[in-house]
């Protein structure tokens, strides 16, 4: 249904229009529009769930520093923008930009970027509760599994496993006050992509 809707130029869910609103950090997008934007990306030619960009390591290298210079901030923004050009829903890149905008007290840029992050997060958490194989969170990229854990207030527990007889991946959680041991994610688009490309890598 999402695939049909986003290809309909007369629909409120036309993909080009949704992406334009997302890039503007449109706070009026409702949950259905957010879901069509995020999940609809798998039907776009640019969709690639692999984390192979050269900018990942470059940005991480700077973020690991104890203190940041003005040049570091500029490079973080540059690498984050490069990552977002390749993957508009890269939550780590959005978080990196938020860090810089907060330090520079750039309120407008911060609000816009925070809203973009919120759109992605809300689309994911609206898809399930992650507690069972039957109610997983649906993600279009494996990296989003780890990114959403922090948003939900959890830490990764160390075990990452492809579950049998479903399109699910599970992550164990570090000790938490809710006593939740594991969270499930449907990664069907990632598995389909790997199959089409003839690669076992996800």
N, C-alpha and C. Protein backbone atom coordinates (compact mmCIF):
# COMPACT_ATOMS: atom_id res chain seq x y z
N UNK A 1 0.83 -1.20 0.00
CA UNK A 1 0.00 0.00 0.00
C UNK A 1 0.87 1.26 0.00
N UNK A 2 1.93 1.26 0.80
CA UNK A 2 2.84 2.41 0.83
C UNK A 2 3.48 2.62 -0.53
N UNK A 3 3.90 1.53 -1.17
CA UNK A 3 4.53 1.65 -2.49
C UNK A 3 3.58 2.28 -3.49
N UNK A 4 2.32 1.88 -3.45
CA UNK A 4 1.33 2.45 -4.38
C UNK A 4 1.10 3.93 -4.07
N UNK A 5 0.94 4.23 -2.79
CA UNK A 5 0.62 5.61 -2.41
C UNK A 5 1.71 6.61 -2.78
N UNK A 6 2.97 6.24 -2.56
CA UNK A 6 4.05 7.20 -2.80
C UNK A 6 4.30 7.45 -4.29
N UNK A 7 3.78 6.55 -5.14
CA UNK A 7 3.94 6.73 -6.59
C UNK A 7 2.79 7.50 -7.21
N UNK A 8 1.80 7.81 -6.40
CA UNK A 8 0.62 8.53 -6.88
C UNK A 8 0.85 10.03 -6.73
N UNK A 9 1.00 10.71 -7.86
CA UNK A 9 1.29 12.15 -7.82
C UNK A 9 0.16 12.97 -7.20
N UNK A 10 -1.05 12.41 -7.20
CA UNK A 10 -2.20 13.13 -6.65
C UNK A 10 -2.41 12.82 -5.17
N UNK A 11 -1.57 11.94 -4.63
CA UNK A 11 -1.73 11.52 -3.24
C UNK A 11 -1.00 12.46 -2.28
N UNK A 12 -1.50 12.54 -1.06
CA UNK A 12 -0.81 13.30 -0.02
C UNK A 12 0.52 12.64 0.35
N UNK A 13 0.69 11.41 -0.10
CA UNK A 13 1.88 10.63 0.23
C UNK A 13 2.90 10.59 -0.91
N UNK A 14 2.71 11.43 -1.94
CA UNK A 14 3.68 11.48 -3.03
C UNK A 14 5.09 11.63 -2.47
N UNK A 15 5.99 10.75 -2.91
CA UNK A 15 7.27 10.66 -2.22
C UNK A 15 8.12 11.93 -2.35
N UNK A 16 8.14 12.53 -3.50
CA UNK A 16 8.93 13.75 -3.69
C UNK A 16 8.48 14.83 -2.72
N UNK A 17 7.17 14.98 -2.56
CA UNK A 17 6.64 15.99 -1.65
C UNK A 17 7.00 15.68 -0.20
N UNK A 18 6.90 14.40 0.17
CA UNK A 18 7.24 14.00 1.55
C UNK A 18 8.71 14.28 1.85
N UNK A 19 9.57 13.95 0.89
CA UNK A 19 11.01 14.16 1.10
C UNK A 19 11.33 15.65 1.20
N UNK A 20 10.67 16.46 0.41
CA UNK A 20 10.87 17.91 0.49
C UNK A 20 10.49 18.43 1.86
N UNK A 21 9.37 17.96 2.38
CA UNK A 21 8.92 18.39 3.71
C UNK A 21 9.89 17.91 4.79
N UNK A 22 10.39 16.69 4.62
CA UNK A 22 11.35 16.15 5.59
C UNK A 22 12.62 16.99 5.63
N UNK A 23 13.15 17.33 4.46
CA UNK A 23 14.38 18.11 4.39
C UNK A 23 14.21 19.49 5.02
N UNK A 24 12.98 19.99 5.03
CA UNK A 24 12.69 21.28 5.64
C UNK A 24 12.44 21.15 7.15
N UNK A 25 12.42 19.91 7.64
CA UNK A 25 12.14 19.69 9.06
C UNK A 25 10.70 20.05 9.40
N UNK A 26 9.78 19.65 8.54
CA UNK A 26 8.37 20.02 8.69
C UNK A 26 7.76 19.33 9.92
N UNK A 27 7.39 20.12 10.92
CA UNK A 27 6.83 19.57 12.16
C UNK A 27 5.36 19.21 12.03
N UNK A 28 4.74 19.50 10.88
CA UNK A 28 3.31 19.20 10.71
C UNK A 28 3.06 17.83 10.10
N UNK A 29 4.11 17.09 9.77
CA UNK A 29 3.93 15.76 9.19
C UNK A 29 3.26 14.85 10.22
N UNK A 30 2.17 14.19 9.82
CA UNK A 30 1.50 13.27 10.73
C UNK A 30 2.17 11.88 10.66
N UNK A 31 1.73 10.97 11.51
CA UNK A 31 2.41 9.68 11.62
C UNK A 31 2.32 8.87 10.33
N UNK A 32 1.21 8.96 9.61
CA UNK A 32 1.10 8.21 8.35
C UNK A 32 2.07 8.77 7.30
N UNK A 33 2.22 10.09 7.28
CA UNK A 33 3.17 10.70 6.36
C UNK A 33 4.60 10.32 6.73
N UNK A 34 4.89 10.29 8.02
CA UNK A 34 6.21 9.88 8.48
C UNK A 34 6.51 8.43 8.10
N UNK A 35 5.51 7.58 8.25
CA UNK A 35 5.69 6.16 7.90
C UNK A 35 5.88 5.99 6.39
N UNK A 36 5.12 6.71 5.60
CA UNK A 36 5.28 6.61 4.14
C UNK A 36 6.65 7.10 3.71
N UNK A 37 7.14 8.14 4.37
CA UNK A 37 8.46 8.67 4.05
C UNK A 37 9.56 7.65 4.36
N UNK A 38 9.57 7.16 5.60
CA UNK A 38 10.64 6.26 6.05
C UNK A 38 10.57 4.90 5.36
N UNK A 39 9.43 4.24 5.44
CA UNK A 39 9.32 2.90 4.85
C UNK A 39 9.29 2.96 3.33
N UNK A 40 8.81 4.07 2.78
CA UNK A 40 8.76 4.21 1.33
C UNK A 40 10.13 4.36 0.69
N UNK A 41 11.13 4.66 1.51
CA UNK A 41 12.48 4.85 0.96
C UNK A 41 13.02 3.57 0.34
N UNK A 42 12.55 2.41 0.79
CA UNK A 42 13.07 1.14 0.24
C UNK A 42 12.69 0.99 -1.23
N UNK A 43 11.71 1.75 -1.71
CA UNK A 43 11.29 1.67 -3.11
C UNK A 43 11.97 2.72 -3.98
N UNK A 44 12.90 3.48 -3.38
CA UNK A 44 13.63 4.50 -4.14
C UNK A 44 14.94 3.92 -4.67
N UNK A 45 15.37 4.35 -5.86
CA UNK A 45 16.61 3.83 -6.46
C UNK A 45 17.84 4.02 -5.57
N UNK A 46 17.83 5.04 -4.73
CA UNK A 46 19.00 5.34 -3.90
C UNK A 46 19.09 4.45 -2.65
N UNK A 47 18.05 3.67 -2.38
CA UNK A 47 18.05 2.86 -1.15
C UNK A 47 19.20 1.86 -1.14
N UNK A 48 19.99 1.93 -0.08
CA UNK A 48 21.09 0.99 0.14
C UNK A 48 21.30 0.87 1.65
N UNK A 49 20.95 -0.29 2.23
CA UNK A 49 21.04 -0.44 3.69
C UNK A 49 22.43 -0.70 4.23
N UNK A 50 23.42 -0.84 3.35
CA UNK A 50 24.78 -1.14 3.80
C UNK A 50 25.45 0.09 4.40
N UNK A 51 26.23 -0.13 5.46
CA UNK A 51 26.99 0.97 6.07
C UNK A 51 28.43 0.92 5.59
N UNK A 52 28.64 1.30 4.34
CA UNK A 52 29.97 1.17 3.74
C UNK A 52 30.60 2.51 3.41
N UNK A 53 29.95 3.60 3.78
CA UNK A 53 30.46 4.92 3.43
C UNK A 53 31.80 5.21 4.11
N UNK A 54 32.68 5.85 3.37
CA UNK A 54 33.99 6.25 3.90
C UNK A 54 33.84 7.31 4.99
N UNK A 55 32.70 8.00 4.99
CA UNK A 55 32.53 9.10 5.94
C UNK A 55 32.19 8.63 7.35
N UNK A 56 31.73 7.39 7.48
CA UNK A 56 31.41 6.87 8.82
C UNK A 56 32.62 6.91 9.73
N UNK A 57 33.71 6.32 9.27
CA UNK A 57 34.93 6.25 10.08
C UNK A 57 35.53 7.63 10.31
N UNK A 58 35.46 8.49 9.28
CA UNK A 58 36.02 9.83 9.41
C UNK A 58 35.28 10.64 10.47
N UNK A 59 33.96 10.56 10.44
CA UNK A 59 33.18 11.30 11.42
C UNK A 59 33.37 10.72 12.82
N UNK A 60 33.39 9.39 12.91
CA UNK A 60 33.57 8.74 14.21
C UNK A 60 34.92 9.10 14.82
N UNK A 61 35.95 9.21 13.97
CA UNK A 61 37.28 9.55 14.45
C UNK A 61 37.32 10.90 15.16
N UNK A 62 36.60 11.86 14.61
CA UNK A 62 36.56 13.18 15.23
C UNK A 62 35.69 13.16 16.49
N UNK A 63 34.56 12.46 16.43
CA UNK A 63 33.64 12.42 17.57
C UNK A 63 34.26 11.74 18.79
N UNK A 64 35.28 10.92 18.55
CA UNK A 64 35.94 10.22 19.66
C UNK A 64 36.94 11.10 20.42
N UNK A 65 37.17 12.32 19.92
CA UNK A 65 38.12 13.21 20.58
C UNK A 65 37.56 13.69 21.92
N UNK A 66 38.45 14.04 22.82
CA UNK A 66 38.04 14.57 24.13
C UNK A 66 37.50 16.00 24.01
N UNK A 67 38.15 16.79 23.15
CA UNK A 67 37.75 18.18 22.97
C UNK A 67 37.69 18.48 21.47
N UNK A 68 36.80 19.41 21.11
CA UNK A 68 36.60 19.76 19.71
C UNK A 68 37.06 21.19 19.43
N UNK A 69 37.75 21.34 18.29
CA UNK A 69 38.13 22.67 17.82
C UNK A 69 37.06 23.15 16.85
N UNK A 70 37.15 24.41 16.43
CA UNK A 70 36.21 24.93 15.43
C UNK A 70 36.33 24.14 14.12
N UNK A 71 37.56 23.77 13.79
CA UNK A 71 37.76 22.97 12.57
C UNK A 71 37.09 21.61 12.71
N UNK A 72 37.16 21.03 13.92
CA UNK A 72 36.50 19.74 14.15
C UNK A 72 35.00 19.86 13.92
N UNK A 73 34.40 20.94 14.43
CA UNK A 73 32.97 21.14 14.25
C UNK A 73 32.62 21.24 12.76
N UNK A 74 33.44 21.98 12.03
CA UNK A 74 33.20 22.14 10.59
C UNK A 74 33.30 20.80 9.87
N UNK A 75 34.28 19.98 10.27
CA UNK A 75 34.46 18.68 9.62
C UNK A 75 33.33 17.72 9.99
N UNK A 76 32.87 17.77 11.23
CA UNK A 76 31.75 16.93 11.63
C UNK A 76 30.53 17.25 10.77
N UNK A 77 30.24 18.53 10.59
CA UNK A 77 29.11 18.93 9.77
C UNK A 77 29.29 18.49 8.32
N UNK A 78 30.50 18.62 7.82
CA UNK A 78 30.79 18.23 6.44
C UNK A 78 30.59 16.74 6.23
N UNK A 79 31.13 15.92 7.14
CA UNK A 79 31.00 14.47 7.02
C UNK A 79 29.55 14.04 7.24
N UNK A 80 28.87 14.68 8.18
CA UNK A 80 27.46 14.35 8.44
C UNK A 80 26.60 14.66 7.22
N UNK A 81 26.84 15.81 6.59
CA UNK A 81 26.10 16.16 5.38
C UNK A 81 26.37 15.17 4.25
N UNK A 82 27.62 14.72 4.13
CA UNK A 82 27.97 13.74 3.10
C UNK A 82 27.23 12.43 3.35
N UNK A 83 27.16 12.02 4.61
CA UNK A 83 26.44 10.79 4.96
C UNK A 83 24.94 10.93 4.67
N UNK A 84 24.39 12.10 4.98
CA UNK A 84 22.96 12.31 4.76
C UNK A 84 22.61 12.42 3.29
N UNK A 85 23.56 12.81 2.48
CA UNK A 85 23.34 12.81 1.02
C UNK A 85 23.20 11.38 0.53
N UNK A 86 24.00 10.48 1.11
CA UNK A 86 23.93 9.06 0.74
C UNK A 86 22.74 8.37 1.40
N UNK A 87 22.40 8.79 2.59
CA UNK A 87 21.34 8.15 3.38
C UNK A 87 20.63 9.23 4.20
N UNK A 88 19.49 9.73 3.71
CA UNK A 88 18.83 10.87 4.37
C UNK A 88 18.30 10.57 5.78
N UNK A 89 18.27 9.29 6.16
CA UNK A 89 17.76 8.92 7.48
C UNK A 89 18.86 8.41 8.40
N UNK A 90 20.08 8.83 8.14
CA UNK A 90 21.21 8.40 8.97
C UNK A 90 21.13 9.08 10.33
N UNK A 91 20.68 8.35 11.33
CA UNK A 91 20.46 8.93 12.65
C UNK A 91 21.75 9.37 13.33
N UNK A 92 22.85 8.68 13.05
CA UNK A 92 24.12 9.06 13.66
C UNK A 92 24.60 10.40 13.11
N UNK A 93 24.37 10.59 11.83
CA UNK A 93 24.75 11.87 11.22
C UNK A 93 23.88 13.00 11.76
N UNK A 94 22.59 12.72 11.92
CA UNK A 94 21.69 13.74 12.49
C UNK A 94 22.09 14.07 13.92
N UNK A 95 22.43 13.05 14.71
CA UNK A 95 22.87 13.29 16.09
C UNK A 95 24.16 14.11 16.13
N UNK A 96 25.06 13.84 15.20
CA UNK A 96 26.32 14.58 15.14
C UNK A 96 26.06 16.06 14.84
N UNK A 97 25.14 16.32 13.92
CA UNK A 97 24.81 17.70 13.60
C UNK A 97 24.17 18.41 14.80
N UNK A 98 23.33 17.68 15.53
CA UNK A 98 22.71 18.26 16.72
C UNK A 98 23.76 18.66 17.75
N UNK A 99 24.78 17.84 17.91
CA UNK A 99 25.87 18.15 18.84
C UNK A 99 26.54 19.46 18.46
N UNK A 100 26.83 19.62 17.18
CA UNK A 100 27.51 20.83 16.72
C UNK A 100 26.61 22.05 16.87
N UNK A 101 25.36 21.93 16.45
CA UNK A 101 24.44 23.08 16.52
C UNK A 101 24.21 23.51 17.97
N UNK A 102 24.20 22.53 18.89
CA UNK A 102 24.04 22.87 20.31
C UNK A 102 25.24 23.66 20.81
N UNK A 103 26.44 23.22 20.42
CA UNK A 103 27.66 23.91 20.85
C UNK A 103 27.76 25.31 20.25
N UNK A 104 27.26 25.46 19.03
CA UNK A 104 27.33 26.75 18.35
C UNK A 104 26.11 27.63 18.63
N UNK A 105 25.18 27.09 19.42
CA UNK A 105 23.96 27.82 19.78
C UNK A 105 23.17 28.24 18.53
N UNK A 106 23.16 27.35 17.53
CA UNK A 106 22.41 27.60 16.30
C UNK A 106 21.01 27.01 16.48
N UNK A 107 20.11 27.79 17.05
CA UNK A 107 18.81 27.30 17.47
C UNK A 107 17.95 26.82 16.30
N UNK A 108 17.90 27.59 15.22
CA UNK A 108 17.05 27.24 14.09
C UNK A 108 17.51 25.95 13.43
N UNK A 109 18.82 25.82 13.21
CA UNK A 109 19.35 24.59 12.60
C UNK A 109 19.13 23.40 13.51
N UNK A 110 19.26 23.64 14.82
CA UNK A 110 19.05 22.56 15.78
C UNK A 110 17.60 22.06 15.72
N UNK A 111 16.65 22.98 15.73
CA UNK A 111 15.23 22.61 15.70
C UNK A 111 14.89 21.82 14.44
N UNK A 112 15.39 22.28 13.31
CA UNK A 112 15.12 21.61 12.04
C UNK A 112 15.69 20.19 12.03
N UNK A 113 16.91 20.04 12.50
CA UNK A 113 17.56 18.73 12.51
C UNK A 113 16.91 17.81 13.53
N UNK A 114 16.53 18.35 14.68
CA UNK A 114 15.85 17.56 15.70
C UNK A 114 14.52 17.04 15.20
N UNK A 115 13.82 17.85 14.42
CA UNK A 115 12.53 17.41 13.87
C UNK A 115 12.73 16.30 12.85
N UNK A 116 13.80 16.39 12.04
CA UNK A 116 14.09 15.33 11.08
C UNK A 116 14.36 14.02 11.82
N UNK A 117 15.14 14.10 12.88
CA UNK A 117 15.42 12.90 13.67
C UNK A 117 14.13 12.35 14.28
N UNK A 118 13.29 13.23 14.76
CA UNK A 118 12.03 12.82 15.36
C UNK A 118 11.13 12.08 14.36
N UNK A 119 11.11 12.55 13.13
CA UNK A 119 10.30 11.91 12.09
C UNK A 119 10.73 10.46 11.89
N UNK A 120 12.03 10.23 11.81
CA UNK A 120 12.56 8.86 11.62
C UNK A 120 12.24 8.00 12.83
N UNK A 121 12.50 8.52 14.02
CA UNK A 121 12.27 7.76 15.24
C UNK A 121 10.80 7.39 15.41
N UNK A 122 9.92 8.34 15.15
CA UNK A 122 8.49 8.08 15.32
C UNK A 122 7.99 7.04 14.33
N UNK A 123 8.49 7.08 13.10
CA UNK A 123 8.08 6.08 12.11
C UNK A 123 8.45 4.68 12.58
N UNK A 124 9.66 4.55 13.13
CA UNK A 124 10.13 3.23 13.58
C UNK A 124 9.32 2.74 14.78
N UNK A 125 9.17 3.58 15.81
CA UNK A 125 8.50 3.11 17.03
C UNK A 125 7.00 2.93 16.83
N UNK A 126 6.45 3.47 15.75
CA UNK A 126 5.02 3.27 15.47
C UNK A 126 4.74 1.92 14.84
N UNK A 127 5.79 1.19 14.49
CA UNK A 127 5.62 -0.05 13.72
C UNK A 127 5.46 -1.30 14.57
N UNK A 128 5.71 -1.20 15.88
CA UNK A 128 5.60 -2.37 16.76
C UNK A 128 6.04 -1.99 18.15
N UNK A 129 6.35 -3.02 18.97
CA UNK A 129 6.88 -2.71 20.30
C UNK A 129 8.21 -3.41 20.57
N UNK A 130 8.65 -4.26 19.63
CA UNK A 130 9.95 -4.90 19.74
C UNK A 130 10.05 -6.00 20.77
N UNK A 131 8.94 -6.33 21.41
CA UNK A 131 9.00 -7.29 22.52
C UNK A 131 8.96 -8.75 22.07
N UNK A 132 8.33 -9.00 20.91
CA UNK A 132 8.18 -10.37 20.42
C UNK A 132 8.52 -10.42 18.93
N UNK A 133 8.74 -11.65 18.42
CA UNK A 133 8.97 -11.81 16.98
C UNK A 133 7.75 -11.35 16.19
N UNK A 134 6.58 -11.46 16.81
CA UNK A 134 5.34 -11.10 16.12
C UNK A 134 5.06 -9.60 16.13
N UNK A 135 5.78 -8.86 17.00
CA UNK A 135 5.56 -7.41 17.08
C UNK A 135 6.89 -6.64 17.05
N UNK A 136 7.73 -6.92 16.06
CA UNK A 136 9.04 -6.26 16.03
C UNK A 136 8.94 -4.82 15.57
N UNK A 137 9.97 -4.05 15.88
CA UNK A 137 10.11 -2.75 15.23
C UNK A 137 10.58 -3.03 13.80
N UNK A 138 10.05 -2.29 12.86
CA UNK A 138 10.40 -2.47 11.46
C UNK A 138 11.42 -1.41 11.08
N UNK A 139 12.58 -1.83 10.61
CA UNK A 139 13.63 -0.88 10.23
C UNK A 139 14.10 -1.17 8.81
N UNK A 140 14.60 -0.15 8.14
CA UNK A 140 15.08 -0.33 6.76
C UNK A 140 16.60 -0.40 6.71
N UNK A 141 17.23 -0.38 7.88
CA UNK A 141 18.68 -0.42 7.95
C UNK A 141 19.09 -0.99 9.30
N UNK A 142 20.06 -1.91 9.31
CA UNK A 142 20.48 -2.54 10.55
C UNK A 142 20.98 -1.51 11.57
N UNK A 143 21.68 -0.49 11.10
CA UNK A 143 22.21 0.53 12.01
C UNK A 143 21.11 1.18 12.84
N UNK A 144 19.90 1.24 12.26
CA UNK A 144 18.79 1.88 12.98
C UNK A 144 18.35 1.07 14.19
N UNK A 145 18.63 -0.23 14.21
CA UNK A 145 18.33 -1.04 15.39
C UNK A 145 19.09 -0.48 16.60
N UNK A 146 20.37 -0.29 16.40
CA UNK A 146 21.23 0.19 17.50
C UNK A 146 20.90 1.64 17.86
N UNK A 147 20.62 2.44 16.83
CA UNK A 147 20.32 3.85 17.08
C UNK A 147 19.04 4.03 17.87
N UNK A 148 18.04 3.18 17.60
CA UNK A 148 16.76 3.35 18.27
C UNK A 148 16.83 2.89 19.72
N UNK A 149 17.78 2.01 20.05
CA UNK A 149 17.91 1.56 21.44
C UNK A 149 18.15 2.74 22.38
N UNK A 150 19.06 3.61 21.99
CA UNK A 150 19.35 4.78 22.81
C UNK A 150 18.15 5.68 22.97
N UNK A 151 17.40 5.86 21.90
CA UNK A 151 16.18 6.67 21.93
C UNK A 151 15.18 6.10 22.93
N UNK A 152 15.14 4.77 23.02
CA UNK A 152 14.21 4.10 23.93
C UNK A 152 14.75 3.99 25.35
N UNK A 153 16.01 4.38 25.54
CA UNK A 153 16.58 4.37 26.87
C UNK A 153 17.31 3.09 27.25
N UNK A 154 17.67 2.29 26.22
CA UNK A 154 18.37 1.03 26.47
C UNK A 154 19.79 1.07 25.93
N UNK A 155 20.62 0.14 26.43
CA UNK A 155 21.97 -0.06 25.90
C UNK A 155 22.07 -1.47 25.33
N UNK A 156 22.89 -1.62 24.31
CA UNK A 156 23.10 -2.92 23.66
C UNK A 156 23.77 -3.88 24.63
N UNK A 157 23.27 -5.12 24.68
CA UNK A 157 23.80 -6.11 25.61
C UNK A 157 24.89 -7.00 25.07
N UNK A 158 25.20 -6.86 23.77
CA UNK A 158 26.35 -7.59 23.23
C UNK A 158 26.06 -8.70 22.23
N UNK A 159 24.80 -9.14 22.14
CA UNK A 159 24.49 -10.23 21.21
C UNK A 159 23.53 -9.78 20.12
N UNK A 160 23.93 -10.02 18.89
CA UNK A 160 23.17 -9.66 17.70
C UNK A 160 22.91 -10.96 16.94
N UNK A 161 21.64 -11.29 16.70
CA UNK A 161 21.32 -12.60 16.14
C UNK A 161 20.20 -12.53 15.11
N UNK A 162 20.41 -13.19 13.96
CA UNK A 162 19.34 -13.36 12.98
C UNK A 162 18.46 -14.50 13.48
N UNK A 163 17.17 -14.24 13.68
CA UNK A 163 16.26 -15.26 14.18
C UNK A 163 15.80 -16.19 13.05
N UNK A 164 15.51 -17.43 13.41
CA UNK A 164 15.04 -18.41 12.42
C UNK A 164 13.55 -18.23 12.14
N UNK A 165 13.18 -18.59 10.92
CA UNK A 165 11.77 -18.63 10.50
C UNK A 165 11.05 -17.29 10.58
N UNK A 166 11.80 -16.22 10.45
CA UNK A 166 11.17 -14.90 10.36
C UNK A 166 12.20 -13.95 9.77
N UNK A 167 11.77 -12.75 9.46
CA UNK A 167 12.69 -11.74 8.92
C UNK A 167 13.26 -10.88 10.03
N UNK A 168 13.42 -11.49 11.20
CA UNK A 168 13.80 -10.71 12.38
C UNK A 168 15.27 -10.85 12.77
N UNK A 169 15.76 -9.76 13.29
CA UNK A 169 17.05 -9.73 13.94
C UNK A 169 16.78 -9.35 15.39
N UNK A 170 17.53 -9.94 16.32
CA UNK A 170 17.32 -9.59 17.72
C UNK A 170 18.60 -9.06 18.33
N UNK A 171 18.43 -8.14 19.26
CA UNK A 171 19.54 -7.58 20.01
C UNK A 171 19.29 -7.81 21.49
N UNK A 172 20.30 -8.31 22.20
CA UNK A 172 20.15 -8.39 23.65
C UNK A 172 20.36 -7.01 24.24
N UNK A 173 19.74 -6.77 25.39
CA UNK A 173 19.84 -5.48 26.06
C UNK A 173 20.67 -5.60 27.33
N UNK A 174 21.39 -4.55 27.63
CA UNK A 174 22.11 -4.50 28.91
C UNK A 174 21.07 -4.44 30.02
N UNK A 175 21.49 -4.76 31.25
CA UNK A 175 20.57 -4.73 32.38
C UNK A 175 19.79 -3.41 32.41
N UNK A 176 18.49 -3.53 32.60
CA UNK A 176 17.65 -2.34 32.63
C UNK A 176 16.54 -2.52 33.66
N UNK A 177 15.95 -1.42 34.08
CA UNK A 177 14.97 -1.45 35.18
C UNK A 177 13.67 -2.14 34.80
N UNK A 178 13.46 -2.39 33.50
CA UNK A 178 12.24 -3.07 33.06
C UNK A 178 12.43 -4.59 32.98
N UNK A 179 13.68 -5.04 33.09
CA UNK A 179 13.96 -6.46 33.01
C UNK A 179 13.80 -7.04 31.62
N UNK A 180 13.87 -6.18 30.60
CA UNK A 180 13.75 -6.66 29.21
C UNK A 180 15.10 -7.19 28.74
N UNK A 181 15.11 -8.41 28.25
CA UNK A 181 16.36 -9.06 27.88
C UNK A 181 16.70 -8.92 26.40
N UNK A 182 15.67 -8.81 25.56
CA UNK A 182 15.92 -8.86 24.11
C UNK A 182 14.89 -8.01 23.38
N UNK A 183 15.32 -7.44 22.25
CA UNK A 183 14.41 -6.66 21.42
C UNK A 183 14.49 -7.17 19.98
N UNK A 184 13.33 -7.19 19.31
CA UNK A 184 13.25 -7.75 17.96
C UNK A 184 13.00 -6.67 16.91
N UNK A 185 13.63 -6.86 15.75
CA UNK A 185 13.52 -5.93 14.64
C UNK A 185 13.27 -6.69 13.34
N UNK A 186 12.27 -6.25 12.60
CA UNK A 186 12.03 -6.82 11.28
C UNK A 186 12.96 -6.10 10.29
N UNK A 187 13.81 -6.89 9.63
CA UNK A 187 14.77 -6.30 8.68
C UNK A 187 14.54 -6.85 7.27
N UNK A 188 13.28 -7.13 6.94
CA UNK A 188 12.93 -7.71 5.64
C UNK A 188 13.52 -6.93 4.46
N UNK A 189 13.45 -5.58 4.45
CA UNK A 189 14.02 -4.85 3.31
C UNK A 189 15.53 -5.06 3.16
N UNK A 190 16.22 -5.19 4.29
CA UNK A 190 17.67 -5.41 4.26
C UNK A 190 17.99 -6.78 3.69
N UNK A 191 17.25 -7.79 4.12
CA UNK A 191 17.46 -9.15 3.63
C UNK A 191 17.12 -9.25 2.15
N UNK A 192 16.04 -8.57 1.73
CA UNK A 192 15.65 -8.57 0.31
C UNK A 192 16.73 -7.90 -0.54
N UNK A 193 17.29 -6.82 -0.03
CA UNK A 193 18.35 -6.10 -0.75
C UNK A 193 19.57 -7.00 -0.93
N UNK A 194 19.96 -7.68 0.14
CA UNK A 194 21.13 -8.56 0.09
C UNK A 194 20.89 -9.70 -0.90
N UNK A 195 19.66 -10.20 -0.94
CA UNK A 195 19.33 -11.30 -1.85
C UNK A 195 19.40 -10.84 -3.29
N UNK A 196 18.86 -9.63 -3.55
CA UNK A 196 18.88 -9.09 -4.92
C UNK A 196 20.31 -8.85 -5.39
N UNK A 197 21.15 -8.41 -4.48
CA UNK A 197 22.54 -8.10 -4.84
C UNK A 197 23.42 -9.33 -4.83
N UNK A 198 22.87 -10.47 -4.39
CA UNK A 198 23.65 -11.69 -4.34
C UNK A 198 24.72 -11.65 -3.29
N UNK A 199 24.47 -10.91 -2.23
CA UNK A 199 25.44 -10.77 -1.16
C UNK A 199 24.82 -11.21 0.16
N UNK A 200 25.59 -11.89 0.97
CA UNK A 200 25.11 -12.28 2.28
C UNK A 200 25.30 -11.19 3.30
N UNK A 201 25.96 -10.11 2.89
CA UNK A 201 26.26 -9.04 3.85
C UNK A 201 25.05 -8.14 4.05
N UNK A 202 24.80 -7.82 5.32
CA UNK A 202 23.75 -6.86 5.63
C UNK A 202 24.30 -5.78 6.56
